[in-house]
Amino acid sequence: MCVFCKIINGEIPSFKIYETEDLVAFLDISQATKGHTLIVPKKHFENLLALDEETLKKISVAQKEVANILSKKLGTSAFNFVNNCGSVAGQSVMHVHFHVIPRYENDDFKMHIVEHEPNFEELAKLHKEITE
């Protein structure tokens, strides 16, 4: 049984801040920033690609609810919403989960997206590969 299933079953303690019949949201033990929270479906799904649409919709609503809770209690209105899908993408627990990471002025959390000049020829080739 995975660590999140053990948390859901009460075998491992957690600090829950939001819960529904299908989902639970609890503080991440790593706390990338103050209030960093994980939203986890109670039913085990390995990753986003295995998730059913109804649960995904409920997670989407929960992301907003959790962000509103954190915003009200911690005084921030900026967030990163992150899902790592698969080990190559950084998923370390193979139970789908979504990070809600509050952002603050001058916090040290970094998400690296490298900006560069667009290559429209390469984008056109990629688009063709994806859509044909």
N, C-alpha and C. Protein backbone atom coordinates (compact mmCIF):
# COMPACT_ATOMS: atom_id res chain seq x y z
N MET A 1 0.85 -1.18 0.00
CA MET A 1 0.00 0.00 0.00
C MET A 1 0.89 1.25 0.00
N CYS A 2 0.51 2.23 -0.81
CA CYS A 2 1.34 3.44 -0.93
C CYS A 2 1.16 4.35 0.28
N VAL A 3 2.08 5.29 0.43
CA VAL A 3 2.08 6.18 1.59
C VAL A 3 0.81 7.03 1.63
N PHE A 4 0.29 7.46 0.48
CA PHE A 4 -0.93 8.27 0.50
C PHE A 4 -2.14 7.43 0.88
N CYS A 5 -2.20 6.19 0.44
CA CYS A 5 -3.28 5.29 0.87
C CYS A 5 -3.23 5.09 2.38
N LYS A 6 -2.02 4.99 2.94
CA LYS A 6 -1.87 4.84 4.39
C LYS A 6 -2.33 6.10 5.12
N ILE A 7 -2.04 7.26 4.55
CA ILE A 7 -2.52 8.52 5.14
C ILE A 7 -4.05 8.55 5.10
N ILE A 8 -4.62 8.22 3.95
CA ILE A 8 -6.08 8.22 3.79
C ILE A 8 -6.73 7.26 4.77
N ASN A 9 -6.11 6.10 4.99
CA ASN A 9 -6.65 5.10 5.91
C ASN A 9 -6.35 5.39 7.37
N GLY A 10 -5.63 6.48 7.66
CA GLY A 10 -5.34 6.85 9.03
C GLY A 10 -4.17 6.09 9.65
N GLU A 11 -3.42 5.36 8.84
CA GLU A 11 -2.27 4.60 9.35
C GLU A 11 -1.05 5.49 9.56
N ILE A 12 -1.01 6.60 8.85
CA ILE A 12 0.06 7.59 8.99
C ILE A 12 -0.62 8.92 9.28
N PRO A 13 -0.14 9.66 10.28
CA PRO A 13 -0.79 10.94 10.59
C PRO A 13 -0.55 11.98 9.50
N SER A 14 -1.50 12.90 9.39
CA SER A 14 -1.37 14.01 8.45
C SER A 14 -2.07 15.22 9.04
N PHE A 15 -1.85 16.35 8.42
CA PHE A 15 -2.46 17.61 8.85
C PHE A 15 -3.44 18.04 7.77
N LYS A 16 -4.67 17.53 7.85
CA LYS A 16 -5.70 17.79 6.85
C LYS A 16 -6.24 19.21 6.98
N ILE A 17 -6.44 19.86 5.84
CA ILE A 17 -7.05 21.19 5.86
C ILE A 17 -8.36 21.22 5.06
N TYR A 18 -8.65 20.13 4.34
CA TYR A 18 -9.86 20.07 3.51
C TYR A 18 -10.15 18.60 3.23
N GLU A 19 -11.44 18.23 3.26
CA GLU A 19 -11.78 16.84 2.98
C GLU A 19 -13.21 16.76 2.45
N THR A 20 -13.40 15.89 1.47
CA THR A 20 -14.72 15.56 0.97
C THR A 20 -14.84 14.04 0.99
N GLU A 21 -15.95 13.55 0.49
CA GLU A 21 -16.15 12.10 0.42
C GLU A 21 -15.09 11.43 -0.45
N ASP A 22 -14.60 12.15 -1.48
CA ASP A 22 -13.70 11.56 -2.47
C ASP A 22 -12.25 12.02 -2.39
N LEU A 23 -11.99 13.12 -1.69
CA LEU A 23 -10.66 13.74 -1.70
C LEU A 23 -10.23 14.13 -0.30
N VAL A 24 -8.93 14.28 -0.15
CA VAL A 24 -8.38 14.85 1.07
C VAL A 24 -7.23 15.79 0.68
N ALA A 25 -7.13 16.89 1.41
CA ALA A 25 -6.03 17.83 1.20
C ALA A 25 -5.31 17.99 2.53
N PHE A 26 -4.00 17.80 2.48
CA PHE A 26 -3.21 17.88 3.71
C PHE A 26 -1.89 18.59 3.43
N LEU A 27 -1.31 19.14 4.48
CA LEU A 27 -0.05 19.86 4.34
C LEU A 27 1.04 18.89 3.90
N ASP A 28 1.81 19.30 2.89
CA ASP A 28 2.95 18.52 2.41
C ASP A 28 4.05 18.58 3.47
N ILE A 29 4.66 17.43 3.76
CA ILE A 29 5.71 17.43 4.78
C ILE A 29 6.94 18.23 4.35
N SER A 30 7.10 18.46 3.04
CA SER A 30 8.28 19.19 2.57
C SER A 30 8.12 20.70 2.65
N GLN A 31 6.90 21.23 2.65
CA GLN A 31 6.63 22.67 2.73
C GLN A 31 7.56 23.50 1.85
N ALA A 32 7.40 23.38 0.53
CA ALA A 32 8.18 24.19 -0.42
C ALA A 32 8.00 25.68 -0.11
N THR A 33 6.77 26.06 0.27
CA THR A 33 6.48 27.38 0.82
C THR A 33 5.47 27.16 1.94
N LYS A 34 5.26 28.18 2.75
CA LYS A 34 4.33 28.08 3.87
C LYS A 34 2.92 27.78 3.37
N GLY A 35 2.37 26.64 3.78
CA GLY A 35 1.02 26.25 3.38
C GLY A 35 0.96 25.26 2.23
N HIS A 36 2.10 24.85 1.70
CA HIS A 36 2.17 23.88 0.59
C HIS A 36 1.29 22.68 0.94
N THR A 37 0.29 22.43 0.11
CA THR A 37 -0.73 21.43 0.37
C THR A 37 -0.84 20.45 -0.79
N LEU A 38 -1.13 19.20 -0.47
CA LEU A 38 -1.39 18.17 -1.48
C LEU A 38 -2.87 17.83 -1.49
N ILE A 39 -3.42 17.70 -2.69
CA ILE A 39 -4.79 17.23 -2.86
C ILE A 39 -4.71 15.84 -3.45
N VAL A 40 -5.34 14.87 -2.77
CA VAL A 40 -5.19 13.47 -3.12
C VAL A 40 -6.57 12.81 -3.17
N PRO A 41 -6.89 12.11 -4.27
CA PRO A 41 -8.15 11.36 -4.26
C PRO A 41 -8.04 10.18 -3.29
N LYS A 42 -9.14 9.84 -2.64
CA LYS A 42 -9.13 8.73 -1.70
C LYS A 42 -8.99 7.39 -2.42
N LYS A 43 -9.50 7.32 -3.63
CA LYS A 43 -9.33 6.11 -4.44
C LYS A 43 -7.94 6.17 -5.08
N HIS A 44 -7.24 5.05 -5.11
CA HIS A 44 -5.89 5.01 -5.66
C HIS A 44 -5.92 5.03 -7.18
N PHE A 45 -5.26 6.02 -7.75
CA PHE A 45 -4.98 6.11 -9.18
C PHE A 45 -3.48 6.37 -9.28
N GLU A 46 -2.80 5.69 -10.17
CA GLU A 46 -1.35 5.84 -10.24
C GLU A 46 -0.93 7.26 -10.62
N ASN A 47 -1.57 7.84 -11.62
CA ASN A 47 -1.18 9.18 -12.07
C ASN A 47 -2.34 9.84 -12.79
N LEU A 48 -2.13 11.04 -13.28
CA LEU A 48 -3.16 11.83 -13.95
C LEU A 48 -3.79 11.07 -15.12
N LEU A 49 -3.00 10.33 -15.87
CA LEU A 49 -3.51 9.62 -17.03
C LEU A 49 -4.47 8.49 -16.65
N ALA A 50 -4.36 7.98 -15.45
CA ALA A 50 -5.24 6.90 -14.96
C ALA A 50 -6.50 7.44 -14.30
N LEU A 51 -6.55 8.72 -14.05
CA LEU A 51 -7.63 9.35 -13.30
C LEU A 51 -8.91 9.44 -14.13
N ASP A 52 -10.05 9.15 -13.52
CA ASP A 52 -11.31 9.30 -14.24
C ASP A 52 -11.73 10.77 -14.25
N GLU A 53 -12.57 11.14 -15.23
CA GLU A 53 -12.94 12.54 -15.42
C GLU A 53 -13.70 13.12 -14.23
N GLU A 54 -14.57 12.34 -13.61
CA GLU A 54 -15.36 12.84 -12.49
C GLU A 54 -14.46 13.22 -11.31
N THR A 55 -13.48 12.39 -11.02
CA THR A 55 -12.55 12.70 -9.93
C THR A 55 -11.70 13.92 -10.29
N LEU A 56 -11.29 14.00 -11.54
CA LEU A 56 -10.51 15.16 -11.98
C LEU A 56 -11.29 16.45 -11.81
N LYS A 57 -12.57 16.43 -12.13
CA LYS A 57 -13.42 17.61 -11.93
C LYS A 57 -13.48 17.99 -10.45
N LYS A 58 -13.62 16.99 -9.60
CA LYS A 58 -13.68 17.25 -8.16
C LYS A 58 -12.36 17.82 -7.64
N ILE A 59 -11.26 17.34 -8.19
CA ILE A 59 -9.94 17.87 -7.80
C ILE A 59 -9.82 19.33 -8.22
N SER A 60 -10.33 19.64 -9.39
CA SER A 60 -10.27 21.02 -9.88
C SER A 60 -11.03 21.96 -8.93
N VAL A 61 -12.19 21.55 -8.50
CA VAL A 61 -12.96 22.34 -7.54
C VAL A 61 -12.19 22.45 -6.23
N ALA A 62 -11.60 21.35 -5.79
CA ALA A 62 -10.84 21.34 -4.54
C ALA A 62 -9.63 22.27 -4.61
N GLN A 63 -9.00 22.36 -5.77
CA GLN A 63 -7.85 23.26 -5.91
C GLN A 63 -8.27 24.69 -5.59
N LYS A 64 -9.42 25.09 -6.11
CA LYS A 64 -9.90 26.44 -5.84
C LYS A 64 -10.26 26.60 -4.36
N GLU A 65 -10.93 25.61 -3.79
CA GLU A 65 -11.32 25.67 -2.38
C GLU A 65 -10.09 25.76 -1.47
N VAL A 66 -9.11 24.93 -1.73
CA VAL A 66 -7.89 24.93 -0.93
C VAL A 66 -7.16 26.26 -1.08
N ALA A 67 -7.07 26.76 -2.31
CA ALA A 67 -6.42 28.06 -2.54
C ALA A 67 -7.15 29.16 -1.78
N ASN A 68 -8.48 29.12 -1.77
CA ASN A 68 -9.24 30.13 -1.02
C ASN A 68 -8.98 30.03 0.48
N ILE A 69 -8.91 28.81 1.00
CA ILE A 69 -8.61 28.62 2.43
C ILE A 69 -7.23 29.20 2.75
N LEU A 70 -6.24 28.83 1.94
CA LEU A 70 -4.87 29.30 2.19
C LEU A 70 -4.76 30.81 2.01
N SER A 71 -5.46 31.33 1.02
CA SER A 71 -5.43 32.77 0.79
C SER A 71 -5.99 33.52 2.00
N LYS A 72 -7.12 33.07 2.48
CA LYS A 72 -7.77 33.72 3.63
C LYS A 72 -6.92 33.61 4.89
N LYS A 73 -6.35 32.43 5.14
CA LYS A 73 -5.64 32.20 6.39
C LYS A 73 -4.19 32.66 6.37
N LEU A 74 -3.56 32.63 5.18
CA LEU A 74 -2.13 32.95 5.11
C LEU A 74 -1.84 34.27 4.40
N GLY A 75 -2.87 34.89 3.84
CA GLY A 75 -2.71 36.22 3.27
C GLY A 75 -2.00 36.28 1.94
N THR A 76 -2.14 35.25 1.11
CA THR A 76 -1.56 35.32 -0.22
C THR A 76 -2.64 35.02 -1.26
N SER A 77 -2.48 35.58 -2.44
CA SER A 77 -3.42 35.29 -3.52
C SER A 77 -2.70 34.77 -4.75
N ALA A 78 -1.46 34.34 -4.56
CA ALA A 78 -0.66 33.81 -5.67
C ALA A 78 -0.35 32.34 -5.38
N PHE A 79 -0.47 31.50 -6.39
CA PHE A 79 -0.28 30.06 -6.22
C PHE A 79 0.32 29.43 -7.46
N ASN A 80 1.03 28.34 -7.25
CA ASN A 80 1.37 27.41 -8.32
C ASN A 80 0.56 26.16 -8.05
N PHE A 81 -0.06 25.63 -9.11
CA PHE A 81 -0.78 24.36 -9.05
C PHE A 81 0.03 23.39 -9.89
N VAL A 82 0.52 22.31 -9.28
CA VAL A 82 1.48 21.44 -9.94
C VAL A 82 1.05 19.98 -9.84
N ASN A 83 1.19 19.26 -10.95
CA ASN A 83 1.04 17.81 -10.96
C ASN A 83 2.22 17.23 -11.71
N ASN A 84 2.94 16.32 -11.07
CA ASN A 84 4.02 15.60 -11.73
C ASN A 84 3.45 14.24 -12.14
N CYS A 85 3.44 13.96 -13.43
CA CYS A 85 2.81 12.74 -13.96
C CYS A 85 3.90 11.80 -14.46
N GLY A 86 4.22 10.79 -13.65
CA GLY A 86 5.26 9.83 -14.01
C GLY A 86 6.58 10.16 -13.35
N SER A 87 7.39 9.14 -13.12
CA SER A 87 8.65 9.34 -12.41
C SER A 87 9.62 10.24 -13.16
N VAL A 88 9.64 10.18 -14.48
CA VAL A 88 10.53 11.05 -15.26
C VAL A 88 10.17 12.52 -15.04
N ALA A 89 8.89 12.78 -14.77
CA ALA A 89 8.43 14.15 -14.53
C ALA A 89 8.56 14.56 -13.06
N GLY A 90 9.10 13.68 -12.22
CA GLY A 90 9.31 14.01 -10.83
C GLY A 90 8.28 13.46 -9.87
N GLN A 91 7.34 12.62 -10.34
CA GLN A 91 6.37 12.02 -9.43
C GLN A 91 7.09 11.01 -8.56
N SER A 92 7.06 11.23 -7.24
CA SER A 92 7.78 10.33 -6.33
C SER A 92 6.85 9.37 -5.58
N VAL A 93 5.58 9.72 -5.48
CA VAL A 93 4.59 8.81 -4.90
C VAL A 93 3.63 8.45 -6.03
N MET A 94 3.51 7.18 -6.32
CA MET A 94 2.70 6.75 -7.46
C MET A 94 1.22 6.62 -7.09
N HIS A 95 0.70 7.69 -6.55
CA HIS A 95 -0.71 7.90 -6.27
C HIS A 95 -0.95 9.33 -6.70
N VAL A 96 -1.81 9.54 -7.67
CA VAL A 96 -1.97 10.88 -8.23
C VAL A 96 -2.21 11.90 -7.12
N HIS A 97 -1.56 13.03 -7.24
CA HIS A 97 -1.72 14.11 -6.28
C HIS A 97 -1.38 15.44 -6.95
N PHE A 98 -1.97 16.47 -6.42
CA PHE A 98 -1.80 17.81 -6.96
C PHE A 98 -1.29 18.72 -5.86
N HIS A 99 -0.26 19.47 -6.17
CA HIS A 99 0.34 20.41 -5.22
C HIS A 99 -0.36 21.76 -5.36
N VAL A 100 -0.68 22.37 -4.24
CA VAL A 100 -1.12 23.76 -4.19
C VAL A 100 -0.02 24.47 -3.41
N ILE A 101 0.73 25.31 -4.11
CA ILE A 101 1.90 25.95 -3.51
C ILE A 101 1.66 27.45 -3.42
N PRO A 102 1.37 27.95 -2.22
CA PRO A 102 1.20 29.39 -2.05
C PRO A 102 2.50 30.12 -2.38
N ARG A 103 2.36 31.29 -2.97
CA ARG A 103 3.54 32.08 -3.31
C ARG A 103 3.53 33.39 -2.55
N TYR A 104 4.72 33.82 -2.16
CA TYR A 104 4.90 35.02 -1.37
C TYR A 104 6.01 35.85 -2.01
N GLU A 105 5.95 37.16 -1.80
CA GLU A 105 7.02 38.03 -2.26
C GLU A 105 8.35 37.51 -1.71
N ASN A 106 9.32 37.37 -2.56
CA ASN A 106 10.68 36.98 -2.19
C ASN A 106 10.79 35.58 -1.59
N ASP A 107 9.81 34.67 -1.85
CA ASP A 107 10.02 33.29 -1.39
C ASP A 107 11.10 32.67 -2.28
N ASP A 108 11.64 31.55 -1.85
CA ASP A 108 12.76 30.98 -2.61
C ASP A 108 12.35 29.78 -3.47
N PHE A 109 11.04 29.56 -3.65
CA PHE A 109 10.58 28.46 -4.50
C PHE A 109 10.77 28.86 -5.96
N LYS A 110 11.35 27.97 -6.74
CA LYS A 110 11.62 28.26 -8.16
C LYS A 110 11.01 27.19 -9.05
N MET A 111 10.34 27.63 -10.08
CA MET A 111 9.91 26.75 -11.17
C MET A 111 10.66 27.25 -12.39
N HIS A 112 11.40 26.39 -13.02
CA HIS A 112 12.25 26.82 -14.12
C HIS A 112 11.63 26.49 -15.46
N ILE A 113 11.27 27.53 -16.18
CA ILE A 113 10.86 27.40 -17.57
C ILE A 113 11.82 28.29 -18.35
N VAL A 114 12.56 27.68 -19.24
CA VAL A 114 13.57 28.42 -19.98
C VAL A 114 12.91 29.14 -21.16
N GLU A 115 13.03 30.45 -21.16
CA GLU A 115 12.47 31.22 -22.27
C GLU A 115 13.53 31.40 -23.34
N HIS A 116 13.08 31.32 -24.59
CA HIS A 116 13.98 31.52 -25.72
C HIS A 116 13.16 31.98 -26.91
N GLU A 117 13.84 32.40 -27.95
CA GLU A 117 13.16 32.84 -29.16
C GLU A 117 12.42 31.68 -29.79
N PRO A 118 11.15 31.88 -30.17
CA PRO A 118 10.40 30.79 -30.77
C PRO A 118 10.92 30.42 -32.16
N ASN A 119 10.90 29.13 -32.45
CA ASN A 119 11.25 28.63 -33.78
C ASN A 119 9.95 28.16 -34.41
N PHE A 120 9.33 29.02 -35.21
CA PHE A 120 8.01 28.73 -35.76
C PHE A 120 8.04 27.56 -36.74
N GLU A 121 9.15 27.33 -37.39
CA GLU A 121 9.27 26.19 -38.29
C GLU A 121 9.20 24.88 -37.49
N GLU A 122 9.93 24.83 -36.38
CA GLU A 122 9.89 23.65 -35.52
C GLU A 122 8.52 23.47 -34.87
N LEU A 123 7.90 24.59 -34.49
CA LEU A 123 6.56 24.50 -33.91
C LEU A 123 5.56 23.96 -34.92
N ALA A 124 5.68 24.38 -36.18
CA ALA A 124 4.79 23.89 -37.23
C ALA A 124 4.97 22.39 -37.44
N LYS A 125 6.23 21.92 -37.42
CA LYS A 125 6.50 20.48 -37.55
C LYS A 125 5.90 19.71 -36.37
N LEU A 126 6.09 20.23 -35.18
CA LEU A 126 5.56 19.58 -33.99
C LEU A 126 4.03 19.53 -34.03
N HIS A 127 3.45 20.64 -34.43
CA HIS A 127 1.99 20.70 -34.54
C HIS A 127 1.47 19.66 -35.50
N LYS A 128 2.15 19.52 -36.63
CA LYS A 128 1.76 18.52 -37.63
C LYS A 128 1.89 17.11 -37.06
N GLU A 129 2.96 16.85 -36.34
CA GLU A 129 3.19 15.53 -35.73
C GLU A 129 2.07 15.19 -34.73
N ILE A 130 1.63 16.19 -34.00
CA ILE A 130 0.61 15.96 -32.96
C ILE A 130 -0.78 15.83 -33.56
N THR A 131 -1.08 16.61 -34.58
CA THR A 131 -2.45 16.69 -35.07
C THR A 131 -2.77 15.81 -36.28
N GLU A 132 -1.76 15.25 -36.92
CA GLU A 132 -2.05 14.41 -38.10
C GLU A 132 -1.94 12.94 -37.77
